[in-house]
């Protein structure tokens, strides 16, 4: 009776496969160490701290779900959610609309096209702090550039960043100045729209608006989905501009985050205040995990709803 020999590759990894595996691990070892030390460990630590009363200057004390229940009864927590949702619901769609409109204009075949594209894109590479300080000067209620221009045509401008009613619209106006990245992604999508489909629609008698609505917008809808998800995630973490807006100190030396009158107290700003101003790391960690769940839920909802309004040419 013949005995069937089992090759080494069937019994397990060959010596060559093991060598290639460990060589690959060696090449990505720095990334693995960085991921474990600077991503995974902080995530697990914050999850643990969210169930404790953890103060930097005091030992941790396990309190279970008390941080989460306190958040649900914290009016400033709900205020921060409202302010953030305001930016997400109004600022993100408006930013996509302006970016898409600019991309349409920059996609036209006109002389000096590349120069115009550079000019429109430049604001997006200006550092956030510098651009925010610039717009704080433009939006200064008394003597600011924008209000001075409005006065020239007989309109009295609002107080902008000093008025709780206009503070968030001011930040949305600032965000529209830096839509260059979104605009470039849209521009790439527009250049990928098949010209034969536009020409066929034109031969069928469709005007410019009908071609835009029936051909162009559906074909760039995957780009819209991508920009929408990225915009929602980034806006839920909105921080730097609001922090710069609140620069200054009170008589006690405390940074008045959320000024004026908590109108710019966004979720990340309130999280920073609890964690790094009041040093309540357990409370801030609970906020961070709630924010993670909110962003995850919004992302999943957008992806699931995208089947109703996203068109893929090959599908």
C-alpha atoms as a PDB file:
ATOM      1  CA  UNK A   1       0.000   0.000   0.000  1.00  0.00           C
ATOM      2  CA  UNK A   2       1.475   3.331  -1.061  1.00  0.00           C
ATOM      3  CA  UNK A   3       2.000   5.959   1.622  1.00  0.00           C
ATOM      4  CA  UNK A   4       0.924   9.482   0.625  1.00  0.00           C
ATOM      5  CA  UNK A   5       3.472  12.085   1.546  1.00  0.00           C
ATOM      6  CA  UNK A   6       2.197  15.390   2.905  1.00  0.00           C
ATOM      7  CA  UNK A   7       4.095  18.372   1.594  1.00  0.00           C
ATOM      8  CA  UNK A   8       5.362  20.979   4.081  1.00  0.00           C
ATOM      9  CA  UNK A   9       3.049  23.581   2.582  1.00  0.00           C
ATOM     10  CA  UNK A  10       0.020  21.450   3.481  1.00  0.00           C
ATOM     11  CA  UNK A  11       1.198  20.818   7.053  1.00  0.00           C
ATOM     12  CA  UNK A  12       1.809  24.512   7.702  1.00  0.00           C
ATOM     13  CA  UNK A  13       3.755  27.499   6.534  1.00  0.00           C
ATOM     14  CA  UNK A  14       6.903  26.819   4.635  1.00  0.00           C
ATOM     15  CA  UNK A  15      10.169  28.347   5.763  1.00  0.00           C
ATOM     16  CA  UNK A  16       9.977  30.852   2.916  1.00  0.00           C
ATOM     17  CA  UNK A  17       6.427  31.912   3.848  1.00  0.00           C
ATOM     18  CA  UNK A  18       7.405  32.372   7.500  1.00  0.00           C
ATOM     19  CA  UNK A  19      10.435  34.392   6.467  1.00  0.00           C
ATOM     20  CA  UNK A  20       8.327  36.636   4.243  1.00  0.00           C
ATOM     21  CA  UNK A  21       5.744  37.070   7.015  1.00  0.00           C
ATOM     22  CA  UNK A  22       8.298  38.147   9.606  1.00  0.00           C
ATOM     23  CA  UNK A  23      10.032  40.375   7.076  1.00  0.00           C
ATOM     24  CA  UNK A  24       6.726  42.111   6.444  1.00  0.00           C
ATOM     25  CA  UNK A  25       6.168  42.484  10.190  1.00  0.00           C
ATOM     26  CA  UNK A  26       9.616  44.025  10.525  1.00  0.00           C
ATOM     27  CA  UNK A  27       8.817  46.616   7.869  1.00  0.00           C
ATOM     28  CA  UNK A  28       5.542  47.658   9.548  1.00  0.00           C
ATOM     29  CA  UNK A  29       6.783  47.249  13.120  1.00  0.00           C
ATOM     30  CA  UNK A  30       7.131  50.996  13.671  1.00  0.00           C
ATOM     31  CA  UNK A  31       3.536  51.508  12.559  1.00  0.00           C
ATOM     32  CA  UNK A  32       2.357  48.673  14.843  1.00  0.00           C
ATOM     33  CA  UNK A  33       4.184  50.175  17.823  1.00  0.00           C
ATOM     34  CA  UNK A  34       2.780  53.622  17.035  1.00  0.00           C
ATOM     35  CA  UNK A  35      -0.740  52.237  16.643  1.00  0.00           C
ATOM     36  CA  UNK A  36      -0.587  50.336  19.927  1.00  0.00           C
ATOM     37  CA  UNK A  37       1.001  53.190  21.888  1.00  0.00           C
ATOM     38  CA  UNK A  38      -0.741  56.215  20.429  1.00  0.00           C
ATOM     39  CA  UNK A  39      -4.106  54.904  19.202  1.00  0.00           C
ATOM     40  CA  UNK A  40      -5.238  51.629  20.764  1.00  0.00           C
ATOM     41  CA  UNK A  41      -3.940  52.256  24.287  1.00  0.00           C
ATOM     42  CA  UNK A  42      -5.407  55.800  24.534  1.00  0.00           C
ATOM     43  CA  UNK A  43      -8.752  54.497  23.264  1.00  0.00           C
ATOM     44  CA  UNK A  44      -8.889  51.690  25.829  1.00  0.00           C
ATOM     45  CA  UNK A  45      -7.659  53.995  28.581  1.00  0.00           C
ATOM     46  CA  UNK A  46     -10.324  56.599  27.794  1.00  0.00           C
ATOM     47  CA  UNK A  47     -12.973  53.872  27.801  1.00  0.00           C
ATOM     48  CA  UNK A  48     -11.851  52.840  31.290  1.00  0.00           C
ATOM     49  CA  UNK A  49     -11.619  56.438  32.524  1.00  0.00           C
ATOM     50  CA  UNK A  50     -15.150  57.120  31.294  1.00  0.00           C
ATOM     51  CA  UNK A  51     -16.372  54.839  34.082  1.00  0.00           C
ATOM     52  CA  UNK A  52     -14.237  56.518  36.732  1.00  0.00           C
ATOM     53  CA  UNK A  53     -13.898  59.846  38.471  1.00  0.00           C
ATOM     54  CA  UNK A  54     -10.441  60.475  37.101  1.00  0.00           C
ATOM     55  CA  UNK A  55      -8.701  63.719  37.995  1.00  0.00           C
ATOM     56  CA  UNK A  56      -5.106  64.234  36.884  1.00  0.00           C
ATOM     57  CA  UNK A  57      -4.051  65.217  40.396  1.00  0.00           C
ATOM     58  CA  UNK A  58      -6.017  62.453  42.164  1.00  0.00           C
ATOM     59  CA  UNK A  59      -6.250  58.647  41.901  1.00  0.00           C
ATOM     60  CA  UNK A  60      -9.104  57.183  39.850  1.00  0.00           C
ATOM     61  CA  UNK A  61     -12.302  56.032  41.519  1.00  0.00           C
ATOM     62  CA  UNK A  62     -14.685  53.614  39.791  1.00  0.00           C
ATOM     63  CA  UNK A  63     -18.162  55.167  39.546  1.00  0.00           C
ATOM     64  CA  UNK A  64     -19.766  53.090  36.787  1.00  0.00           C
ATOM     65  CA  UNK A  65     -22.221  54.953  34.561  1.00  0.00           C
ATOM     66  CA  UNK A  66     -22.351  58.076  36.732  1.00  0.00           C
ATOM     67  CA  UNK A  67     -20.407  60.193  34.218  1.00  0.00           C
ATOM     68  CA  UNK A  68     -22.877  59.293  31.484  1.00  0.00           C
ATOM     69  CA  UNK A  69     -25.921  59.973  33.648  1.00  0.00           C
ATOM     70  CA  UNK A  70     -24.445  63.315  34.744  1.00  0.00           C
ATOM     71  CA  UNK A  71     -23.931  64.251  31.101  1.00  0.00           C
ATOM     72  CA  UNK A  72     -27.572  63.583  30.330  1.00  0.00           C
ATOM     73  CA  UNK A  73     -28.504  66.049  33.092  1.00  0.00           C
ATOM     74  CA  UNK A  74     -25.908  68.645  32.105  1.00  0.00           C
ATOM     75  CA  UNK A  75     -27.516  71.628  30.297  1.00  0.00           C
ATOM     76  CA  UNK A  76     -24.175  72.711  28.823  1.00  0.00           C
ATOM     77  CA  UNK A  77     -23.750  69.230  27.336  1.00  0.00           C
ATOM     78  CA  UNK A  78     -27.062  69.588  25.485  1.00  0.00           C
ATOM     79  CA  UNK A  79     -26.153  73.142  24.528  1.00  0.00           C
ATOM     80  CA  UNK A  80     -22.923  71.880  22.962  1.00  0.00           C
ATOM     81  CA  UNK A  81     -24.847  69.225  21.021  1.00  0.00           C
ATOM     82  CA  UNK A  82     -27.286  71.852  19.734  1.00  0.00           C
ATOM     83  CA  UNK A  83     -24.467  74.172  18.627  1.00  0.00           C
ATOM     84  CA  UNK A  84     -22.667  71.320  16.884  1.00  0.00           C
ATOM     85  CA  UNK A  85     -25.802  70.064  15.135  1.00  0.00           C
ATOM     86  CA  UNK A  86     -26.431  73.623  13.946  1.00  0.00           C
ATOM     87  CA  UNK A  87     -23.067  73.577  12.192  1.00  0.00           C
ATOM     88  CA  UNK A  88     -23.642  70.076  10.809  1.00  0.00           C
ATOM     89  CA  UNK A  89     -27.177  70.679   9.506  1.00  0.00           C
ATOM     90  CA  UNK A  90     -26.572  74.161   8.083  1.00  0.00           C
ATOM     91  CA  UNK A  91     -22.828  74.503   7.569  1.00  0.00           C
ATOM     92  CA  UNK A  92     -22.051  71.163   5.896  1.00  0.00           C
ATOM     93  CA  UNK A  93     -24.782  71.258   3.163  1.00  0.00           C
ATOM     94  CA  UNK A  94     -24.070  74.930   2.492  1.00  0.00           C
ATOM     95  CA  UNK A  95     -20.356  74.182   2.179  1.00  0.00           C
ATOM     96  CA  UNK A  96     -21.043  71.350  -0.281  1.00  0.00           C
ATOM     97  CA  UNK A  97     -23.307  73.590  -2.346  1.00  0.00           C
ATOM     98  CA  UNK A  98     -20.745  76.395  -2.546  1.00  0.00           C
ATOM     99  CA  UNK A  99     -17.903  73.968  -3.293  1.00  0.00           C
ATOM    100  CA  UNK A 100     -19.898  72.296  -6.078  1.00  0.00           C
ATOM    101  CA  UNK A 101     -20.865  75.656  -7.570  1.00  0.00           C
ATOM    102  CA  UNK A 102     -17.244  76.828  -7.569  1.00  0.00           C
ATOM    103  CA  UNK A 103     -16.170  73.534  -9.147  1.00  0.00           C
ATOM    104  CA  UNK A 104     -18.745  74.019 -11.922  1.00  0.00           C
ATOM    105  CA  UNK A 105     -17.382  77.487 -12.625  1.00  0.00           C
ATOM    106  CA  UNK A 106     -13.761  76.325 -12.564  1.00  0.00           C
ATOM    107  CA  UNK A 107     -14.597  73.468 -14.922  1.00  0.00           C
ATOM    108  CA  UNK A 108     -15.493  75.907 -17.701  1.00  0.00           C
ATOM    109  CA  UNK A 109     -13.048  76.221 -20.572  1.00  0.00           C
ATOM    110  CA  UNK A 110     -11.929  79.833 -20.207  1.00  0.00           C
ATOM    111  CA  UNK A 111      -8.553  81.584 -20.578  1.00  0.00           C
ATOM    112  CA  UNK A 112      -6.513  81.586 -17.365  1.00  0.00           C
ATOM    113  CA  UNK A 113      -8.415  78.609 -15.987  1.00  0.00           C
ATOM    114  CA  UNK A 114      -5.436  77.279 -13.987  1.00  0.00           C
ATOM    115  CA  UNK A 115      -4.875  80.683 -12.365  1.00  0.00           C
ATOM    116  CA  UNK A 116      -8.468  80.871 -11.178  1.00  0.00           C
ATOM    117  CA  UNK A 117      -8.226  77.362  -9.738  1.00  0.00           C
ATOM    118  CA  UNK A 118      -5.123  78.287  -7.759  1.00  0.00           C
ATOM    119  CA  UNK A 119      -6.785  81.454  -6.431  1.00  0.00           C
ATOM    120  CA  UNK A 120      -9.869  79.548  -5.266  1.00  0.00           C
ATOM    121  CA  UNK A 121      -7.788  76.801  -3.679  1.00  0.00           C
ATOM    122  CA  UNK A 122      -5.240  78.989  -1.841  1.00  0.00           C
ATOM    123  CA  UNK A 123      -7.444  79.858   1.186  1.00  0.00           C
ATOM    124  CA  UNK A 124      -7.731  76.167   2.097  1.00  0.00           C
ATOM    125  CA  UNK A 125      -3.972  75.904   2.744  1.00  0.00           C
ATOM    126  CA  UNK A 126      -3.843  78.948   5.027  1.00  0.00           C
ATOM    127  CA  UNK A 127      -3.352  77.762   8.657  1.00  0.00           C
ATOM    128  CA  UNK A 128      -6.626  77.632  10.579  1.00  0.00           C
ATOM    129  CA  UNK A 129      -5.473  80.004  13.319  1.00  0.00           C
ATOM    130  CA  UNK A 130      -4.253  82.594  10.801  1.00  0.00           C
ATOM    131  CA  UNK A 131      -7.442  82.449   8.720  1.00  0.00           C
ATOM    132  CA  UNK A 132      -9.629  82.680  11.841  1.00  0.00           C
ATOM    133  CA  UNK A 133      -7.747  85.749  13.099  1.00  0.00           C
ATOM    134  CA  UNK A 134      -8.077  87.298   9.650  1.00  0.00           C
ATOM    135  CA  UNK A 135     -11.843  86.771   9.648  1.00  0.00           C
ATOM    136  CA  UNK A 136     -12.139  88.067  13.195  1.00  0.00           C
ATOM    137  CA  UNK A 137     -10.681  91.303  11.863  1.00  0.00           C
ATOM    138  CA  UNK A 138     -12.986  91.275   8.820  1.00  0.00           C
ATOM    139  CA  UNK A 139     -16.029  90.665  11.050  1.00  0.00           C
ATOM    140  CA  UNK A 140     -15.152  93.209  13.728  1.00  0.00           C
ATOM    141  CA  UNK A 141     -18.451  94.984  14.531  1.00  0.00           C
ATOM    142  CA  UNK A 142     -16.992  98.491  14.658  1.00  0.00           C
ATOM    143  CA  UNK A 143     -14.578  99.278  11.864  1.00  0.00           C
ATOM    144  CA  UNK A 144     -14.380  95.780  10.440  1.00  0.00           C
ATOM    145  CA  UNK A 145     -13.945  95.371   6.690  1.00  0.00           C
ATOM    146  CA  UNK A 146     -17.317  93.700   6.063  1.00  0.00           C
ATOM    147  CA  UNK A 147     -19.373  96.138   8.121  1.00  0.00           C
ATOM    148  CA  UNK A 148     -17.512  99.057   6.549  1.00  0.00           C
ATOM    149  CA  UNK A 149     -18.495  97.785   3.104  1.00  0.00           C
ATOM    150  CA  UNK A 150     -22.095  97.339   4.232  1.00  0.00           C
ATOM    151  CA  UNK A 151     -22.172 100.847   5.625  1.00  0.00           C
ATOM    152  CA  UNK A 152     -21.002 102.111   2.240  1.00  0.00           C
ATOM    153  CA  UNK A 153     -24.260 100.871   0.697  1.00  0.00           C
ATOM    154  CA  UNK A 154     -26.429 102.019   3.578  1.00  0.00           C
ATOM    155  CA  UNK A 155     -26.726  98.730   5.516  1.00  0.00           C
ATOM    156  CA  UNK A 156     -25.906  98.496   9.195  1.00  0.00           C
ATOM    157  CA  UNK A 157     -24.070  95.232   9.723  1.00  0.00           C
ATOM    158  CA  UNK A 158     -24.644  92.963  12.730  1.00  0.00           C
ATOM    159  CA  UNK A 159     -22.209  92.463  15.593  1.00  0.00           C
ATOM    160  CA  UNK A 160     -21.122  89.152  14.038  1.00  0.00           C
ATOM    161  CA  UNK A 161     -18.880  87.272  16.477  1.00  0.00           C
ATOM    162  CA  UNK A 162     -19.955  89.451  19.411  1.00  0.00           C
ATOM    163  CA  UNK A 163     -23.638  88.635  18.959  1.00  0.00           C
ATOM    164  CA  UNK A 164     -24.909  85.182  20.095  1.00  0.00           C
ATOM    165  CA  UNK A 165     -27.380  85.205  17.195  1.00  0.00           C
ATOM    166  CA  UNK A 166     -24.664  85.786  14.580  1.00  0.00           C
ATOM    167  CA  UNK A 167     -21.686  83.951  16.105  1.00  0.00           C
ATOM    168  CA  UNK A 168     -22.393  80.571  14.471  1.00  0.00           C
ATOM    169  CA  UNK A 169     -23.289  82.105  11.059  1.00  0.00           C
ATOM    170  CA  UNK A 170     -19.971  83.960  11.293  1.00  0.00           C
ATOM    171  CA  UNK A 171     -18.121  80.670  11.715  1.00  0.00           C
ATOM    172  CA  UNK A 172     -20.061  79.166   8.810  1.00  0.00           C
ATOM    173  CA  UNK A 173     -19.027  82.139   6.689  1.00  0.00           C
ATOM    174  CA  UNK A 174     -15.433  81.503   7.726  1.00  0.00           C
ATOM    175  CA  UNK A 175     -15.714  77.819   6.770  1.00  0.00           C
ATOM    176  CA  UNK A 176     -16.956  78.740   3.281  1.00  0.00           C
ATOM    177  CA  UNK A 177     -13.669  80.549   2.695  1.00  0.00           C
ATOM    178  CA  UNK A 178     -11.730  77.296   3.054  1.00  0.00           C
ATOM    179  CA  UNK A 179     -13.685  74.935   0.792  1.00  0.00           C
ATOM    180  CA  UNK A 180     -10.722  74.412  -1.535  1.00  0.00           C
ATOM    181  CA  UNK A 181     -10.203  70.716  -0.754  1.00  0.00           C
ATOM    182  CA  UNK A 182     -13.867  69.849  -1.254  1.00  0.00           C
ATOM    183  CA  UNK A 183     -13.946  71.951  -4.413  1.00  0.00           C
ATOM    184  CA  UNK A 184     -10.940  70.136  -5.902  1.00  0.00           C
ATOM    185  CA  UNK A 185     -12.551  66.738  -5.235  1.00  0.00           C
ATOM    186  CA  UNK A 186     -15.726  67.921  -6.942  1.00  0.00           C
ATOM    187  CA  UNK A 187     -13.683  69.300  -9.830  1.00  0.00           C
ATOM    188  CA  UNK A 188     -12.040  65.904 -10.329  1.00  0.00           C
ATOM    189  CA  UNK A 189     -15.476  64.278 -10.340  1.00  0.00           C
ATOM    190  CA  UNK A 190     -16.827  66.754 -12.882  1.00  0.00           C
ATOM    191  CA  UNK A 191     -13.928  66.062 -15.226  1.00  0.00           C
ATOM    192  CA  UNK A 192     -14.750  62.366 -15.018  1.00  0.00           C
ATOM    193  CA  UNK A 193     -18.347  62.855 -16.229  1.00  0.00           C
ATOM    194  CA  UNK A 194     -18.609  61.184 -19.672  1.00  0.00           C
ATOM    195  CA  UNK A 195     -18.898  63.865 -22.330  1.00  0.00           C
ATOM    196  CA  UNK A 196     -20.901  61.597 -24.621  1.00  0.00           C
ATOM    197  CA  UNK A 197     -23.737  61.515 -22.092  1.00  0.00           C
ATOM    198  CA  UNK A 198     -23.832  65.300 -21.900  1.00  0.00           C
ATOM    199  CA  UNK A 199     -23.734  65.538 -25.697  1.00  0.00           C
ATOM    200  CA  UNK A 200     -26.519  62.970 -26.030  1.00  0.00           C
ATOM    201  CA  UNK A 201     -28.679  64.921 -23.587  1.00  0.00           C
ATOM    202  CA  UNK A 202     -27.980  68.123 -25.526  1.00  0.00           C
ATOM    203  CA  UNK A 203     -28.996  66.461 -28.795  1.00  0.00           C
ATOM    204  CA  UNK A 204     -32.230  65.382 -27.107  1.00  0.00           C
ATOM    205  CA  UNK A 205     -32.990  69.045 -26.437  1.00  0.00           C
ATOM    206  CA  UNK A 206     -31.935  69.283 -22.794  1.00  0.00           C
ATOM    207  CA  UNK A 207     -30.828  72.751 -21.731  1.00  0.00           C
ATOM    208  CA  UNK A 208     -27.906  73.489 -19.380  1.00  0.00           C
ATOM    209  CA  UNK A 209     -29.947  73.138 -16.211  1.00  0.00           C
ATOM    210  CA  UNK A 210     -31.565  69.888 -17.346  1.00  0.00           C
ATOM    211  CA  UNK A 211     -28.172  68.409 -18.221  1.00  0.00           C
ATOM    212  CA  UNK A 212     -26.823  69.453 -14.832  1.00  0.00           C
ATOM    213  CA  UNK A 213     -29.782  68.034 -12.907  1.00  0.00           C
ATOM    214  CA  UNK A 214     -30.286  64.799 -14.872  1.00  0.00           C
ATOM    215  CA  UNK A 215     -26.709  63.896 -15.823  1.00  0.00           C
ATOM    216  CA  UNK A 216     -23.994  65.751 -13.939  1.00  0.00           C
ATOM    217  CA  UNK A 217     -25.384  65.722 -10.398  1.00  0.00           C
ATOM    218  CA  UNK A 218     -26.274  61.983 -10.414  1.00  0.00           C
ATOM    219  CA  UNK A 219     -22.844  61.065 -11.818  1.00  0.00           C
ATOM    220  CA  UNK A 220     -21.011  63.012  -9.091  1.00  0.00           C
ATOM    221  CA  UNK A 221     -23.293  61.759  -6.313  1.00  0.00           C
ATOM    222  CA  UNK A 222     -20.607  59.320  -5.016  1.00  0.00           C
ATOM    223  CA  UNK A 223     -18.323  62.351  -4.653  1.00  0.00           C
ATOM    224  CA  UNK A 224     -21.110  64.121  -2.768  1.00  0.00           C
ATOM    225  CA  UNK A 225     -21.469  61.128  -0.449  1.00  0.00           C
ATOM    226  CA  UNK A 226     -17.742  61.115   0.278  1.00  0.00           C
ATOM    227  CA  UNK A 227     -17.599  64.871   0.913  1.00  0.00           C
ATOM    228  CA  UNK A 228     -20.744  64.702   3.039  1.00  0.00           C
ATOM    229  CA  UNK A 229     -19.384  61.990   5.318  1.00  0.00           C
ATOM    230  CA  UNK A 230     -16.009  63.691   5.681  1.00  0.00           C
ATOM    231  CA  UNK A 231     -17.724  67.034   6.344  1.00  0.00           C
ATOM    232  CA  UNK A 232     -20.038  65.590   9.000  1.00  0.00           C
ATOM    233  CA  UNK A 233     -17.168  63.852  10.806  1.00  0.00           C
ATOM    234  CA  UNK A 234     -14.991  66.976  10.722  1.00  0.00           C
ATOM    235  CA  UNK A 235     -17.804  69.284  11.874  1.00  0.00           C
ATOM    236  CA  UNK A 236     -18.701  67.096  14.844  1.00  0.00           C
ATOM    237  CA  UNK A 237     -15.076  67.652  15.916  1.00  0.00           C
ATOM    238  CA  UNK A 238     -15.195  71.407  15.247  1.00  0.00           C
ATOM    239  CA  UNK A 239     -12.761  73.056  17.634  1.00  0.00           C
ATOM    240  CA  UNK A 240      -9.922  75.311  16.465  1.00  0.00           C
ATOM    241  CA  UNK A 241     -11.967  78.170  14.995  1.00  0.00           C
ATOM    242  CA  UNK A 242     -14.300  78.326  18.007  1.00  0.00           C
ATOM    243  CA  UNK A 243     -11.340  78.213  20.385  1.00  0.00           C
ATOM    244  CA  UNK A 244      -9.599  81.106  18.626  1.00  0.00           C
ATOM    245  CA  UNK A 245     -12.887  83.012  18.629  1.00  0.00           C
ATOM    246  CA  UNK A 246     -13.001  82.707  22.418  1.00  0.00           C
ATOM    247  CA  UNK A 247      -9.460  83.991  22.989  1.00  0.00           C
ATOM    248  CA  UNK A 248      -9.051  86.231  25.980  1.00  0.00           C
ATOM    249  CA  UNK A 249      -9.432  85.769  29.718  1.00  0.00           C
ATOM    250  CA  UNK A 250     -11.871  86.704  32.402  1.00  0.00           C
ATOM    251  CA  UNK A 251     -10.907  88.429  35.632  1.00  0.00           C
ATOM    252  CA  UNK A 252     -10.237  85.002  37.164  1.00  0.00           C
ATOM    253  CA  UNK A 253      -7.905  84.059  34.330  1.00  0.00           C
ATOM    254  CA  UNK A 254     -10.242  81.393  32.954  1.00  0.00           C
ATOM    255  CA  UNK A 255     -10.600  81.087  29.191  1.00  0.00           C
ATOM    256  CA  UNK A 256     -14.242  82.032  28.365  1.00  0.00           C
ATOM    257  CA  UNK A 257     -14.816  79.144  25.982  1.00  0.00           C
ATOM    258  CA  UNK A 258     -18.120  79.328  24.132  1.00  0.00           C
ATOM    259  CA  UNK A 259     -18.350  83.117  24.097  1.00  0.00           C
ATOM    260  CA  UNK A 260     -20.555  84.938  23.473  1.00  0.00           C
ATOM    261  CA  UNK A 261     -23.104  83.430  25.877  1.00  0.00           C
ATOM    262  CA  UNK A 262     -22.269  79.783  25.053  1.00  0.00           C
ATOM    263  CA  UNK A 263     -23.257  80.286  21.415  1.00  0.00           C
ATOM    264  CA  UNK A 264     -19.964  78.768  20.216  1.00  0.00           C
ATOM    265  CA  UNK A 265     -19.684  76.086  22.889  1.00  0.00           C
ATOM    266  CA  UNK A 266     -19.348  73.200  20.452  1.00  0.00           C
ATOM    267  CA  UNK A 267     -19.039  69.588  21.546  1.00  0.00           C
ATOM    268  CA  UNK A 268     -15.255  69.368  21.172  1.00  0.00           C
ATOM    269  CA  UNK A 269     -14.827  72.732  22.884  1.00  0.00           C
ATOM    270  CA  UNK A 270     -16.853  71.567  25.883  1.00  0.00           C
ATOM    271  CA  UNK A 271     -14.930  68.280  25.940  1.00  0.00           C
ATOM    272  CA  UNK A 272     -11.646  70.209  25.947  1.00  0.00           C
ATOM    273  CA  UNK A 273     -12.914  72.480  28.709  1.00  0.00           C
ATOM    274  CA  UNK A 274     -13.860  69.572  30.956  1.00  0.00           C
ATOM    275  CA  UNK A 275     -10.692  67.586  30.283  1.00  0.00           C
ATOM    276  CA  UNK A 276      -7.948  70.193  30.047  1.00  0.00           C
ATOM    277  CA  UNK A 277      -9.321  73.253  31.859  1.00  0.00           C
ATOM    278  CA  UNK A 278     -11.194  71.578  34.727  1.00  0.00           C
ATOM    279  CA  UNK A 279      -9.033  68.397  34.522  1.00  0.00           C
ATOM    280  CA  UNK A 280     -12.090  66.116  34.729  1.00  0.00           C
ATOM    281  CA  UNK A 281     -10.657  63.397  32.526  1.00  0.00           C
ATOM    282  CA  UNK A 282     -13.297  60.810  33.395  1.00  0.00           C
ATOM    283  CA  UNK A 283     -16.104  63.192  32.448  1.00  0.00           C
ATOM    284  CA  UNK A 284     -14.300  64.205  29.250  1.00  0.00           C
ATOM    285  CA  UNK A 285     -13.656  60.551  28.346  1.00  0.00           C
ATOM    286  CA  UNK A 286     -17.376  59.818  28.637  1.00  0.00           C
ATOM    287  CA  UNK A 287     -18.041  62.757  26.310  1.00  0.00           C
ATOM    288  CA  UNK A 288     -15.477  61.402  23.843  1.00  0.00           C
ATOM    289  CA  UNK A 289     -17.159  58.001  23.653  1.00  0.00           C
ATOM    290  CA  UNK A 290     -20.591  59.547  23.233  1.00  0.00           C
ATOM    291  CA  UNK A 291     -19.153  61.615  20.382  1.00  0.00           C
ATOM    292  CA  UNK A 292     -17.716  58.443  18.851  1.00  0.00           C
ATOM    293  CA  UNK A 293     -21.120  56.762  18.965  1.00  0.00           C
ATOM    294  CA  UNK A 294     -22.862  59.832  17.480  1.00  0.00           C
ATOM    295  CA  UNK A 295     -20.383  60.030  14.587  1.00  0.00           C
ATOM    296  CA  UNK A 296     -20.632  56.282  13.996  1.00  0.00           C
ATOM    297  CA  UNK A 297     -24.445  56.423  13.931  1.00  0.00           C
ATOM    298  CA  UNK A 298     -24.457  59.371  11.502  1.00  0.00           C
ATOM    299  CA  UNK A 299     -21.940  57.679   9.207  1.00  0.00           C
ATOM    300  CA  UNK A 300     -23.905  54.416   9.123  1.00  0.00           C
ATOM    301  CA  UNK A 301     -27.150  56.321   8.486  1.00  0.00           C
ATOM    302  CA  UNK A 302     -25.605  58.225   5.580  1.00  0.00           C
ATOM    303  CA  UNK A 303     -24.171  55.065   4.038  1.00  0.00           C
ATOM    304  CA  UNK A 304     -27.469  53.209   4.299  1.00  0.00           C
ATOM    305  CA  UNK A 305     -29.500  56.089   2.918  1.00  0.00           C
ATOM    306  CA  UNK A 306     -27.036  56.597   0.054  1.00  0.00           C
ATOM    307  CA  UNK A 307     -28.660  53.744  -1.889  1.00  0.00           C
ATOM    308  CA  UNK A 308     -31.637  56.031  -2.461  1.00  0.00           C
ATOM    309  CA  UNK A 309     -29.724  58.975  -3.961  1.00  0.00           C
ATOM    310  CA  UNK A 310     -26.278  57.781  -5.020  1.00  0.00           C
ATOM    311  CA  UNK A 311     -25.796  56.636  -8.628  1.00  0.00           C
ATOM    312  CA  UNK A 312     -22.868  54.515  -9.779  1.00  0.00           C
ATOM    313  CA  UNK A 313     -22.351  54.461 -13.516  1.00  0.00           C
ATOM    314  CA  UNK A 314     -21.285  50.834 -13.614  1.00  0.00           C
ATOM    315  CA  UNK A 315     -24.135  49.683 -11.381  1.00  0.00           C
END
